[in-house]
Amino acid sequence: MHLPIAERELTLKRPDGTEQAIRVLLWKPEFRHERGWEVDFEIRGPGGEVTRSHGSGLDAFQALYGALHMIPILMDGLSALGQVSAHEDDWHWFPAIPQLTKPTPGKPHSE
């Protein structure tokens, strides 16, 4: 596996006051013949735990979007362990991406 294209260092502060490091890594989109495009990512921590997953799609943009959509979903599960933060803030900086819907057919607004 190549070097990641993005990485974020986070801190998990448990209710007892102890802190543990968490790292989120994201790799560049890759075309994987039969499966289309994929973007691998990992959440390393807390402790020795490693969560690996990927976003997939018909093209590199869709695969990247899928990975960026999955990361905050998996990060929210860590909140049960304590406060996850980044950049000395009380938030992990992975906002949930709203679900986009297809435009509804109809008349243009200009008519």
PDB file of N, CA and C in Angstrom:
ATOM      1  N   MET A   1       0.849  -1.181   0.000  1.00  0.00           N
ATOM      2  CA  MET A   1       0.000   0.000   0.000  1.00  0.00           C
ATOM      3  C   MET A   1       0.895   1.246   0.000  1.00  0.00           C
ATOM      4  N   HIS A   2       0.509   2.229  -0.755  1.00  0.00           N
ATOM      5  CA  HIS A   2       1.268   3.468  -0.862  1.00  0.00           C
ATOM      6  C   HIS A   2       1.115   4.316   0.396  1.00  0.00           C
ATOM      7  N   LEU A   3       1.795   5.450   0.408  1.00  0.00           N
ATOM      8  CA  LEU A   3       1.652   6.392   1.516  1.00  0.00           C
ATOM      9  C   LEU A   3       0.282   7.052   1.457  1.00  0.00           C
ATOM     10  N   PRO A   4      -0.293   7.373   2.603  1.00  0.00           N
ATOM     11  CA  PRO A   4      -1.597   8.051   2.594  1.00  0.00           C
ATOM     12  C   PRO A   4      -1.475   9.460   2.028  1.00  0.00           C
ATOM     13  N   ILE A   5      -2.577   9.964   1.472  1.00  0.00           N
ATOM     14  CA  ILE A   5      -2.587  11.331   0.943  1.00  0.00           C
ATOM     15  C   ILE A   5      -3.079  12.322   1.991  1.00  0.00           C
ATOM     16  N   ALA A   6      -3.701  11.813   3.056  1.00  0.00           N
ATOM     17  CA  ALA A   6      -4.176  12.686   4.129  1.00  0.00           C
ATOM     18  C   ALA A   6      -4.145  11.918   5.443  1.00  0.00           C
ATOM     19  N   GLU A   7      -3.892  12.666   6.524  1.00  0.00           N
ATOM     20  CA  GLU A   7      -3.821  12.058   7.846  1.00  0.00           C
ATOM     21  C   GLU A   7      -4.274  13.084   8.879  1.00  0.00           C
ATOM     22  N   ARG A   8      -5.016  12.630   9.869  1.00  0.00           N
ATOM     23  CA  ARG A   8      -5.447  13.521  10.952  1.00  0.00           C
ATOM     24  C   ARG A   8      -5.167  12.828  12.280  1.00  0.00           C
ATOM     25  N   GLU A   9      -4.545  13.581  13.198  1.00  0.00           N
ATOM     26  CA  GLU A   9      -4.274  13.097  14.550  1.00  0.00           C
ATOM     27  C   GLU A   9      -5.398  13.569  15.461  1.00  0.00           C
ATOM     28  N   LEU A  10      -5.975  12.645  16.212  1.00  0.00           N
ATOM     29  CA  LEU A  10      -7.060  12.952  17.135  1.00  0.00           C
ATOM     30  C   LEU A  10      -6.682  12.497  18.535  1.00  0.00           C
ATOM     31  N   THR A  11      -7.427  12.995  19.520  1.00  0.00           N
ATOM     32  CA  THR A  11      -7.239  12.574  20.900  1.00  0.00           C
ATOM     33  C   THR A  11      -8.571  12.101  21.464  1.00  0.00           C
ATOM     34  N   LEU A  12      -8.556  10.935  22.092  1.00  0.00           N
ATOM     35  CA  LEU A  12      -9.719  10.429  22.810  1.00  0.00           C
ATOM     36  C   LEU A  12      -9.472  10.670  24.289  1.00  0.00           C
ATOM     37  N   LYS A  13     -10.314  11.494  24.904  1.00  0.00           N
ATOM     38  CA  LYS A  13     -10.222  11.728  26.347  1.00  0.00           C
ATOM     39  C   LYS A  13     -11.337  10.938  27.012  1.00  0.00           C
ATOM     40  N   ARG A  14     -10.931   9.929  27.780  1.00  0.00           N
ATOM     41  CA  ARG A  14     -11.891   9.052  28.450  1.00  0.00           C
ATOM     42  C   ARG A  14     -12.452   9.730  29.704  1.00  0.00           C
ATOM     43  N   PRO A  15     -13.596   9.250  30.190  1.00  0.00           N
ATOM     44  CA  PRO A  15     -14.201   9.846  31.383  1.00  0.00           C
ATOM     45  C   PRO A  15     -13.274   9.878  32.602  1.00  0.00           C
ATOM     46  N   ASP A  16     -12.331   8.925  32.693  1.00  0.00           N
ATOM     47  CA  ASP A  16     -11.403   8.917  33.832  1.00  0.00           C
ATOM     48  C   ASP A  16     -10.238   9.892  33.653  1.00  0.00           C
ATOM     49  N   GLY A  17     -10.225  10.640  32.529  1.00  0.00           N
ATOM     50  CA  GLY A  17      -9.191  11.647  32.284  1.00  0.00           C
ATOM     51  C   GLY A  17      -8.015  11.161  31.457  1.00  0.00           C
ATOM     52  N   THR A  18      -7.901   9.856  31.226  1.00  0.00           N
ATOM     53  CA  THR A  18      -6.797   9.358  30.409  1.00  0.00           C
ATOM     54  C   THR A  18      -7.032   9.713  28.945  1.00  0.00           C
ATOM     55  N   GLU A  19      -5.940   9.869  28.215  1.00  0.00           N
ATOM     56  CA  GLU A  19      -6.019  10.235  26.798  1.00  0.00           C
ATOM     57  C   GLU A  19      -5.332   9.180  25.950  1.00  0.00           C
ATOM     58  N   GLN A  20      -5.902   8.945  24.772  1.00  0.00           N
ATOM     59  CA  GLN A  20      -5.318   8.021  23.810  1.00  0.00           C
ATOM     60  C   GLN A  20      -5.336   8.663  22.435  1.00  0.00           C
ATOM     61  N   ALA A  21      -4.299   8.353  21.656  1.00  0.00           N
ATOM     62  CA  ALA A  21      -4.190   8.892  20.297  1.00  0.00           C
ATOM     63  C   ALA A  21      -5.021   8.059  19.327  1.00  0.00           C
ATOM     64  N   ILE A  22      -5.585   8.744  18.347  1.00  0.00           N
ATOM     65  CA  ILE A  22      -6.294   8.113  17.237  1.00  0.00           C
ATOM     66  C   ILE A  22      -5.783   8.783  15.969  1.00  0.00           C
ATOM     67  N   ARG A  23      -5.489   7.985  14.949  1.00  0.00           N
ATOM     68  CA  ARG A  23      -5.054   8.534  13.663  1.00  0.00           C
ATOM     69  C   ARG A  23      -6.003   8.060  12.582  1.00  0.00           C
ATOM     70  N   VAL A  24      -6.404   8.989  11.721  1.00  0.00           N
ATOM     71  CA  VAL A  24      -7.242   8.660  10.567  1.00  0.00           C
ATOM     72  C   VAL A  24      -6.390   8.883   9.323  1.00  0.00           C
ATOM     73  N   LEU A  25      -6.276   7.861   8.491  1.00  0.00           N
ATOM     74  CA  LEU A  25      -5.468   7.929   7.275  1.00  0.00           C
ATOM     75  C   LEU A  25      -6.342   7.646   6.065  1.00  0.00           C
ATOM     76  N   LEU A  26      -6.050   8.339   4.960  1.00  0.00           N
ATOM     77  CA  LEU A  26      -6.822   8.206   3.723  1.00  0.00           C
ATOM     78  C   LEU A  26      -5.847   8.061   2.559  1.00  0.00           C
ATOM     79  N   TRP A  27      -6.087   7.062   1.711  1.00  0.00           N
ATOM     80  CA  TRP A  27      -5.229   6.833   0.553  1.00  0.00           C
ATOM     81  C   TRP A  27      -5.883   7.351  -0.722  1.00  0.00           C
ATOM     82  N   LYS A  28      -5.077   7.500  -1.757  1.00  0.00           N
ATOM     83  CA  LYS A  28      -5.592   8.022  -3.027  1.00  0.00           C
ATOM     84  C   LYS A  28      -6.506   6.998  -3.702  1.00  0.00           C
ATOM     85  N   PRO A  29      -7.430   7.468  -4.524  1.00  0.00           N
ATOM     86  CA  PRO A  29      -8.310   6.548  -5.248  1.00  0.00           C
ATOM     87  C   PRO A  29      -7.503   5.617  -6.155  1.00  0.00           C
ATOM     88  N   GLU A  30      -7.932   4.363  -6.205  1.00  0.00           N
ATOM     89  CA  GLU A  30      -7.297   3.374  -7.080  1.00  0.00           C
ATOM     90  C   GLU A  30      -8.372   2.642  -7.868  1.00  0.00           C
ATOM     91  N   PHE A  31      -8.064   2.379  -9.136  1.00  0.00           N
ATOM     92  CA  PHE A  31      -8.978   1.580  -9.952  1.00  0.00           C
ATOM     93  C   PHE A  31      -8.651   0.119  -9.720  1.00  0.00           C
ATOM     94  N   ARG A  32      -9.631  -0.642  -9.275  1.00  0.00           N
ATOM     95  CA  ARG A  32      -9.462  -2.073  -9.022  1.00  0.00           C
ATOM     96  C   ARG A  32     -10.403  -2.808  -9.963  1.00  0.00           C
ATOM     97  N   HIS A  33      -9.835  -3.270 -11.021  1.00  0.00           N
ATOM     98  CA  HIS A  33     -10.499  -3.795 -12.216  1.00  0.00           C
ATOM     99  C   HIS A  33     -11.958  -4.210 -12.034  1.00  0.00           C
ATOM    100  N   GLU A  34     -12.233  -5.283 -11.360  1.00  0.00           N
ATOM    101  CA  GLU A  34     -13.604  -5.796 -11.300  1.00  0.00           C
ATOM    102  C   GLU A  34     -14.492  -5.021 -10.336  1.00  0.00           C
ATOM    103  N   ARG A  35     -13.894  -4.328  -9.372  1.00  0.00           N
ATOM    104  CA  ARG A  35     -14.697  -3.641  -8.356  1.00  0.00           C
ATOM    105  C   ARG A  35     -14.839  -2.154  -8.626  1.00  0.00           C
ATOM    106  N   GLY A  36     -14.231  -1.644  -9.667  1.00  0.00           N
ATOM    107  CA  GLY A  36     -14.282  -0.209  -9.942  1.00  0.00           C
ATOM    108  C   GLY A  36     -13.261   0.545  -9.112  1.00  0.00           C
ATOM    109  N   TRP A  37     -13.591   1.769  -8.737  1.00  0.00           N
ATOM    110  CA  TRP A  37     -12.682   2.639  -7.987  1.00  0.00           C
ATOM    111  C   TRP A  37     -12.902   2.462  -6.488  1.00  0.00           C
ATOM    112  N   GLU A  38     -11.795   2.512  -5.721  1.00  0.00           N
ATOM    113  CA  GLU A  38     -11.877   2.422  -4.267  1.00  0.00           C
ATOM    114  C   GLU A  38     -10.897   3.393  -3.627  1.00  0.00           C
ATOM    115  N   VAL A  39     -11.280   3.904  -2.467  1.00  0.00           N
ATOM    116  CA  VAL A  39     -10.414   4.754  -1.649  1.00  0.00           C
ATOM    117  C   VAL A  39     -10.338   4.101  -0.269  1.00  0.00           C
ATOM    118  N   ASP A  40      -9.165   3.601   0.082  1.00  0.00           N
ATOM    119  CA  ASP A  40      -8.965   2.966   1.380  1.00  0.00           C
ATOM    120  C   ASP A  40      -8.772   4.019   2.461  1.00  0.00           C
ATOM    121  N   PHE A  41      -9.231   3.692   3.677  1.00  0.00           N
ATOM    122  CA  PHE A  41      -8.929   4.527   4.836  1.00  0.00           C
ATOM    123  C   PHE A  41      -8.817   3.642   6.066  1.00  0.00           C
ATOM    124  N   GLU A  42      -8.142   4.163   7.084  1.00  0.00           N
ATOM    125  CA  GLU A  42      -7.975   3.463   8.352  1.00  0.00           C
ATOM    126  C   GLU A  42      -8.221   4.427   9.495  1.00  0.00           C
ATOM    127  N   ILE A  43      -8.775   3.890  10.563  1.00  0.00           N
ATOM    128  CA  ILE A  43      -8.850   4.602  11.831  1.00  0.00           C
ATOM    129  C   ILE A  43      -8.019   3.767  12.793  1.00  0.00           C
ATOM    130  N   ARG A  44      -6.869   4.303  13.213  1.00  0.00           N
ATOM    131  CA  ARG A  44      -5.941   3.587  14.091  1.00  0.00           C
ATOM    132  C   ARG A  44      -6.112   4.100  15.516  1.00  0.00           C
ATOM    133  N   GLY A  45      -6.602   3.240  16.366  1.00  0.00           N
ATOM    134  CA  GLY A  45      -6.819   3.609  17.750  1.00  0.00           C
ATOM    135  C   GLY A  45      -8.303   3.602  18.057  1.00  0.00           C
ATOM    136  N   PRO A  46      -8.639   3.710  19.301  1.00  0.00           N
ATOM    137  CA  PRO A  46      -7.728   3.852  20.439  1.00  0.00           C
ATOM    138  C   PRO A  46      -6.994   2.542  20.732  1.00  0.00           C
ATOM    139  N   GLY A  47      -5.883   2.665  21.408  1.00  0.00           N
ATOM    140  CA  GLY A  47      -5.056   1.497  21.695  1.00  0.00           C
ATOM    141  C   GLY A  47      -4.542   0.889  20.408  1.00  0.00           C
ATOM    142  N   GLY A  48      -4.524  -0.410  20.336  1.00  0.00           N
ATOM    143  CA  GLY A  48      -4.041  -1.105  19.151  1.00  0.00           C
ATOM    144  C   GLY A  48      -5.117  -1.401  18.125  1.00  0.00           C
ATOM    145  N   GLU A  49      -6.329  -0.902  18.352  1.00  0.00           N
ATOM    146  CA  GLU A  49      -7.433  -1.177  17.433  1.00  0.00           C
ATOM    147  C   GLU A  49      -7.216  -0.478  16.089  1.00  0.00           C
ATOM    148  N   VAL A  50      -7.487  -1.190  15.005  1.00  0.00           N
ATOM    149  CA  VAL A  50      -7.405  -0.615  13.660  1.00  0.00           C
ATOM    150  C   VAL A  50      -8.683  -0.979  12.909  1.00  0.00           C
ATOM    151  N   THR A  51      -9.382   0.044  12.414  1.00  0.00           N
ATOM    152  CA  THR A  51     -10.566  -0.158  11.593  1.00  0.00           C
ATOM    153  C   THR A  51     -10.199   0.196  10.162  1.00  0.00           C
ATOM    154  N   ARG A  52     -10.346  -0.752   9.249  1.00  0.00           N
ATOM    155  CA  ARG A  52     -10.044  -0.519   7.837  1.00  0.00           C
ATOM    156  C   ARG A  52     -11.333  -0.616   7.036  1.00  0.00           C
ATOM    157  N   SER A  53     -11.491   0.306   6.101  1.00  0.00           N
ATOM    158  CA  SER A  53     -12.636   0.254   5.207  1.00  0.00           C
ATOM    159  C   SER A  53     -12.285   1.019   3.941  1.00  0.00           C
ATOM    160  N   HIS A  54     -13.263   1.238   3.089  1.00  0.00           N
ATOM    161  CA  HIS A  54     -13.021   1.969   1.850  1.00  0.00           C
ATOM    162  C   HIS A  54     -14.333   2.539   1.326  1.00  0.00           C
ATOM    163  N   GLY A  55     -14.187   3.558   0.508  1.00  0.00           N
ATOM    164  CA  GLY A  55     -15.298   4.056  -0.284  1.00  0.00           C
ATOM    165  C   GLY A  55     -15.140   3.489  -1.681  1.00  0.00           C
ATOM    166  N   SER A  56     -16.228   3.271  -2.370  1.00  0.00           N
ATOM    167  CA  SER A  56     -16.132   2.734  -3.728  1.00  0.00           C
ATOM    168  C   SER A  56     -17.066   3.501  -4.645  1.00  0.00           C
ATOM    169  N   GLY A  57     -16.779   3.412  -5.944  1.00  0.00           N
ATOM    170  CA  GLY A  57     -17.618   4.126  -6.883  1.00  0.00           C
ATOM    171  C   GLY A  57     -17.270   3.838  -8.324  1.00  0.00           C
ATOM    172  N   LEU A  58     -18.060   4.452  -9.194  1.00  0.00           N
ATOM    173  CA  LEU A  58     -17.847   4.303 -10.630  1.00  0.00           C
ATOM    174  C   LEU A  58     -16.649   5.095 -11.115  1.00  0.00           C
ATOM    175  N   ASP A  59     -16.277   6.134 -10.354  1.00  0.00           N
ATOM    176  CA  ASP A  59     -15.090   6.916 -10.686  1.00  0.00           C
ATOM    177  C   ASP A  59     -14.392   7.317  -9.391  1.00  0.00           C
ATOM    178  N   ALA A  60     -13.239   7.969  -9.521  1.00  0.00           N
ATOM    179  CA  ALA A  60     -12.438   8.326  -8.351  1.00  0.00           C
ATOM    180  C   ALA A  60     -13.169   9.292  -7.425  1.00  0.00           C
ATOM    181  N   PHE A  61     -13.928  10.249  -7.990  1.00  0.00           N
ATOM    182  CA  PHE A  61     -14.668  11.194  -7.155  1.00  0.00           C
ATOM    183  C   PHE A  61     -15.696  10.478  -6.286  1.00  0.00           C
ATOM    184  N   GLN A  62     -16.443   9.566  -6.875  1.00  0.00           N
ATOM    185  CA  GLN A  62     -17.477   8.867  -6.120  1.00  0.00           C
ATOM    186  C   GLN A  62     -16.856   8.002  -5.020  1.00  0.00           C
ATOM    187  N   ALA A  63     -15.727   7.378  -5.302  1.00  0.00           N
ATOM    188  CA  ALA A  63     -15.048   6.566  -4.297  1.00  0.00           C
ATOM    189  C   ALA A  63     -14.528   7.433  -3.153  1.00  0.00           C
ATOM    190  N   LEU A  64     -13.967   8.595  -3.479  1.00  0.00           N
ATOM    191  CA  LEU A  64     -13.485   9.515  -2.453  1.00  0.00           C
ATOM    192  C   LEU A  64     -14.640  10.024  -1.601  1.00  0.00           C
ATOM    193  N   TYR A  65     -15.728  10.382  -2.245  1.00  0.00           N
ATOM    194  CA  TYR A  65     -16.919  10.834  -1.529  1.00  0.00           C
ATOM    195  C   TYR A  65     -17.414   9.745  -0.576  1.00  0.00           C
ATOM    196  N   GLY A  66     -17.418   8.503  -1.043  1.00  0.00           N
ATOM    197  CA  GLY A  66     -17.855   7.397  -0.200  1.00  0.00           C
ATOM    198  C   GLY A  66     -16.984   7.225   1.032  1.00  0.00           C
ATOM    199  N   ALA A  67     -15.671   7.338   0.859  1.00  0.00           N
ATOM    200  CA  ALA A  67     -14.764   7.223   2.007  1.00  0.00           C
ATOM    201  C   ALA A  67     -14.989   8.365   2.990  1.00  0.00           C
ATOM    202  N   LEU A  68     -15.100   9.593   2.474  1.00  0.00           N
ATOM    203  CA  LEU A  68     -15.319  10.744   3.350  1.00  0.00           C
ATOM    204  C   LEU A  68     -16.686  10.688   4.026  1.00  0.00           C
ATOM    205  N   HIS A  69     -17.627   9.992   3.427  1.00  0.00           N
ATOM    206  CA  HIS A  69     -18.946   9.802   4.030  1.00  0.00           C
ATOM    207  C   HIS A  69     -18.882   8.771   5.169  1.00  0.00           C
ATOM    208  N   MET A  70     -18.084   7.729   5.000  1.00  0.00           N
ATOM    209  CA  MET A  70     -17.997   6.657   5.993  1.00  0.00           C
ATOM    210  C   MET A  70     -17.214   7.049   7.241  1.00  0.00           C
ATOM    211  N   ILE A  71     -16.179   7.866   7.091  1.00  0.00           N
ATOM    212  CA  ILE A  71     -15.325   8.198   8.234  1.00  0.00           C
ATOM    213  C   ILE A  71     -16.122   8.794   9.394  1.00  0.00           C
ATOM    214  N   PRO A  72     -16.955   9.834   9.181  1.00  0.00           N
ATOM    215  CA  PRO A  72     -17.685  10.370  10.341  1.00  0.00           C
ATOM    216  C   PRO A  72     -18.678   9.377  10.942  1.00  0.00           C
ATOM    217  N   ILE A  73     -19.213   8.479  10.134  1.00  0.00           N
ATOM    218  CA  ILE A  73     -20.121   7.460  10.669  1.00  0.00           C
ATOM    219  C   ILE A  73     -19.366   6.565  11.648  1.00  0.00           C
ATOM    220  N   LEU A  74     -18.167   6.134  11.270  1.00  0.00           N
ATOM    221  CA  LEU A  74     -17.364   5.293  12.153  1.00  0.00           C
ATOM    222  C   LEU A  74     -16.823   6.080  13.344  1.00  0.00           C
ATOM    223  N   MET A  75     -16.526   7.358  13.151  1.00  0.00           N
ATOM    224  CA  MET A  75     -16.028   8.194  14.248  1.00  0.00           C
ATOM    225  C   MET A  75     -17.086   8.384  15.326  1.00  0.00           C
ATOM    226  N   ASP A  76     -18.345   8.484  14.946  1.00  0.00           N
ATOM    227  CA  ASP A  76     -19.408   8.687  15.929  1.00  0.00           C
ATOM    228  C   ASP A  76     -19.484   7.537  16.924  1.00  0.00           C
ATOM    229  N   GLY A  77     -19.106   6.345  16.506  1.00  0.00           N
ATOM    230  CA  GLY A  77     -19.096   5.214  17.423  1.00  0.00           C
ATOM    231  C   GLY A  77     -18.085   5.365  18.542  1.00  0.00           C
ATOM    232  N   LEU A  78     -17.033   6.149  18.321  1.00  0.00           N
ATOM    233  CA  LEU A  78     -16.014   6.356  19.346  1.00  0.00           C
ATOM    234  C   LEU A  78     -16.500   7.265  20.467  1.00  0.00           C
ATOM    235  N   SER A  79     -17.552   8.042  20.219  1.00  0.00           N
ATOM    236  CA  SER A  79     -18.032   8.982  21.236  1.00  0.00           C
ATOM    237  C   SER A  79     -18.543   8.257  22.483  1.00  0.00           C
ATOM    238  N   ALA A  80     -18.890   6.983  22.360  1.00  0.00           N
ATOM    239  CA  ALA A  80     -19.313   6.212  23.532  1.00  0.00           C
ATOM    240  C   ALA A  80     -18.152   5.976  24.495  1.00  0.00           C
ATOM    241  N   LEU A  81     -16.915   6.101  24.000  1.00  0.00           N
ATOM    242  CA  LEU A  81     -15.733   5.873  24.833  1.00  0.00           C
ATOM    243  C   LEU A  81     -15.252   7.135  25.529  1.00  0.00           C
ATOM    244  N   GLY A  82     -15.675   8.304  25.042  1.00  0.00           N
ATOM    245  CA  GLY A  82     -15.223   9.575  25.606  1.00  0.00           C
ATOM    246  C   GLY A  82     -15.286  10.672  24.561  1.00  0.00           C
ATOM    247  N   GLN A  83     -14.603  11.783  24.829  1.00  0.00           N
ATOM    248  CA  GLN A  83     -14.598  12.944  23.935  1.00  0.00           C
ATOM    249  C   GLN A  83     -13.474  12.807  22.906  1.00  0.00           C
ATOM    250  N   VAL A  84     -13.822  12.807  21.624  1.00  0.00           N
ATOM    251  CA  VAL A  84     -12.831  12.754  20.551  1.00  0.00           C
ATOM    252  C   VAL A  84     -12.637  14.170  20.039  1.00  0.00           C
ATOM    253  N   SER A  85     -11.378  14.598  19.972  1.00  0.00           N
ATOM    254  CA  SER A  85     -11.117  15.979  19.562  1.00  0.00           C
ATOM    255  C   SER A  85      -9.909  16.049  18.638  1.00  0.00           C
ATOM    256  N   ALA A  86      -9.821  17.183  17.933  1.00  0.00           N
ATOM    257  CA  ALA A  86      -8.696  17.455  17.031  1.00  0.00           C
ATOM    258  C   ALA A  86      -8.381  18.937  17.095  1.00  0.00           C
ATOM    259  N   HIS A  87      -7.138  19.277  16.845  1.00  0.00           N
ATOM    260  CA  HIS A  87      -6.712  20.675  16.767  1.00  0.00           C
ATOM    261  C   HIS A  87      -7.093  21.461  18.027  1.00  0.00           C
ATOM    262  N   GLU A  88      -6.962  20.808  19.195  1.00  0.00           N
ATOM    263  CA  GLU A  88      -7.268  21.434  20.486  1.00  0.00           C
ATOM    264  C   GLU A  88      -8.698  21.971  20.549  1.00  0.00           C
ATOM    265  N   ASP A  89      -9.599  21.334  19.831  1.00  0.00           N
ATOM    266  CA  ASP A  89     -11.007  21.701  19.829  1.00  0.00           C
ATOM    267  C   ASP A  89     -11.780  20.540  20.452  1.00  0.00           C
ATOM    268  N   ASP A  90     -13.038  20.745  20.781  1.00  0.00           N
ATOM    269  CA  ASP A  90     -13.818  19.677  21.401  1.00  0.00           C
ATOM    270  C   ASP A  90     -14.609  18.861  20.380  1.00  0.00           C
ATOM    271  N   TRP A  91     -14.127  18.809  19.157  1.00  0.00           N
ATOM    272  CA  TRP A  91     -14.804  18.126  18.070  1.00  0.00           C
ATOM    273  C   TRP A  91     -13.764  17.446  17.204  1.00  0.00           C
ATOM    274  N   HIS A  92     -14.119  16.367  16.506  1.00  0.00           N
ATOM    275  CA  HIS A  92     -13.130  15.609  15.726  1.00  0.00           C
ATOM    276  C   HIS A  92     -12.956  16.114  14.296  1.00  0.00           C
ATOM    277  N   TRP A  93     -13.707  17.097  13.865  1.00  0.00           N
ATOM    278  CA  TRP A  93     -13.541  17.737  12.550  1.00  0.00           C
ATOM    279  C   TRP A  93     -13.869  16.826  11.374  1.00  0.00           C
ATOM    280  N   PHE A  94     -14.705  15.834  11.575  1.00  0.00           N
ATOM    281  CA  PHE A  94     -15.216  15.017  10.483  1.00  0.00           C
ATOM    282  C   PHE A  94     -16.727  15.191  10.452  1.00  0.00           C
ATOM    283  N   PRO A  95     -17.223  16.222   9.766  1.00  0.00           N
ATOM    284  CA  PRO A  95     -18.667  16.450   9.761  1.00  0.00           C
ATOM    285  C   PRO A  95     -19.396  15.376   8.957  1.00  0.00           C
ATOM    286  N   ALA A  96     -20.588  15.051   9.401  1.00  0.00           N
ATOM    287  CA  ALA A  96     -21.423  14.132   8.629  1.00  0.00           C
ATOM    288  C   ALA A  96     -21.819  14.819   7.330  1.00  0.00           C
ATOM    289  N   ILE A  97     -21.741  14.089   6.240  1.00  0.00           N
ATOM    290  CA  ILE A  97     -22.100  14.638   4.936  1.00  0.00           C
ATOM    291  C   ILE A  97     -23.581  14.375   4.717  1.00  0.00           C
ATOM    292  N   PRO A  98     -24.363  15.413   4.452  1.00  0.00           N
ATOM    293  CA  PRO A  98     -25.797  15.182   4.260  1.00  0.00           C
ATOM    294  C   PRO A  98     -26.054  14.332   3.020  1.00  0.00           C
ATOM    295  N   GLN A  99     -27.111  13.560   3.087  1.00  0.00           N
ATOM    296  CA  GLN A  99     -27.479  12.731   1.940  1.00  0.00           C
ATOM    297  C   GLN A  99     -28.027  13.629   0.842  1.00  0.00           C
ATOM    298  N   LEU A 100     -27.495  13.455  -0.329  1.00  0.00           N
ATOM    299  CA  LEU A 100     -27.954  14.230  -1.473  1.00  0.00           C
ATOM    300  C   LEU A 100     -29.030  13.449  -2.209  1.00  0.00           C
ATOM    301  N   THR A 101     -30.000  14.149  -2.729  1.00  0.00           N
ATOM    302  CA  THR A 101     -31.057  13.495  -3.488  1.00  0.00           C
ATOM    303  C   THR A 101     -31.024  13.995  -4.915  1.00  0.00           C
ATOM    304  N   LYS A 102     -31.604  13.217  -5.786  1.00  0.00           N
ATOM    305  CA  LYS A 102     -31.685  13.627  -7.186  1.00  0.00           C
ATOM    306  C   LYS A 102     -32.651  14.798  -7.305  1.00  0.00           C
ATOM    307  N   PRO A 103     -32.405  15.702  -8.246  1.00  0.00           N
ATOM    308  CA  PRO A 103     -33.357  16.794  -8.452  1.00  0.00           C
ATOM    309  C   PRO A 103     -34.715  16.236  -8.861  1.00  0.00           C
ATOM    310  N   THR A 104     -35.754  16.887  -8.409  1.00  0.00           N
ATOM    311  CA  THR A 104     -37.093  16.444  -8.794  1.00  0.00           C
ATOM    312  C   THR A 104     -37.462  17.066 -10.126  1.00  0.00           C
ATOM    313  N   PRO A 105     -38.122  16.310 -11.005  1.00  0.00           N
ATOM    314  CA  PRO A 105     -38.509  16.872 -12.300  1.00  0.00           C
ATOM    315  C   PRO A 105     -39.596  17.924 -12.106  1.00  0.00           C
ATOM    316  N   GLY A 106     -39.614  18.853 -12.992  1.00  0.00           N
ATOM    317  CA  GLY A 106     -40.630  19.898 -12.914  1.00  0.00           C
ATOM    318  C   GLY A 106     -40.242  21.072 -13.779  1.00  0.00           C
ATOM    319  N   LYS A 107     -40.974  22.135 -13.649  1.00  0.00           N
ATOM    320  CA  LYS A 107     -40.709  23.339 -14.435  1.00  0.00           C
ATOM    321  C   LYS A 107     -39.537  24.101 -13.831  1.00  0.00           C
ATOM    322  N   PRO A 108     -38.726  24.717 -14.679  1.00  0.00           N
ATOM    323  CA  PRO A 108     -37.651  25.561 -14.165  1.00  0.00           C
ATOM    324  C   PRO A 108     -38.234  26.717 -13.355  1.00  0.00           C
ATOM    325  N   HIS A 109     -37.480  27.190 -12.385  1.00  0.00           N
ATOM    326  CA  HIS A 109     -37.931  28.296 -11.543  1.00  0.00           C
ATOM    327  C   HIS A 109     -38.162  29.573 -12.337  1.00  0.00           C
ATOM    328  N   SER A 110     -37.504  29.709 -13.480  1.00  0.00           N
ATOM    329  CA  SER A 110     -37.627  30.948 -14.260  1.00  0.00           C
ATOM    330  C   SER A 110     -38.952  31.046 -15.004  1.00  0.00           C
ATOM    331  N   GLU A 111     -39.701  29.979 -15.076  1.00  0.00           N
ATOM    332  CA  GLU A 111     -40.978  30.018 -15.806  1.00  0.00           C
ATOM    333  C   GLU A 111     -42.127  30.401 -14.908  1.00  0.00           C
TER     334      GLU A 111
END
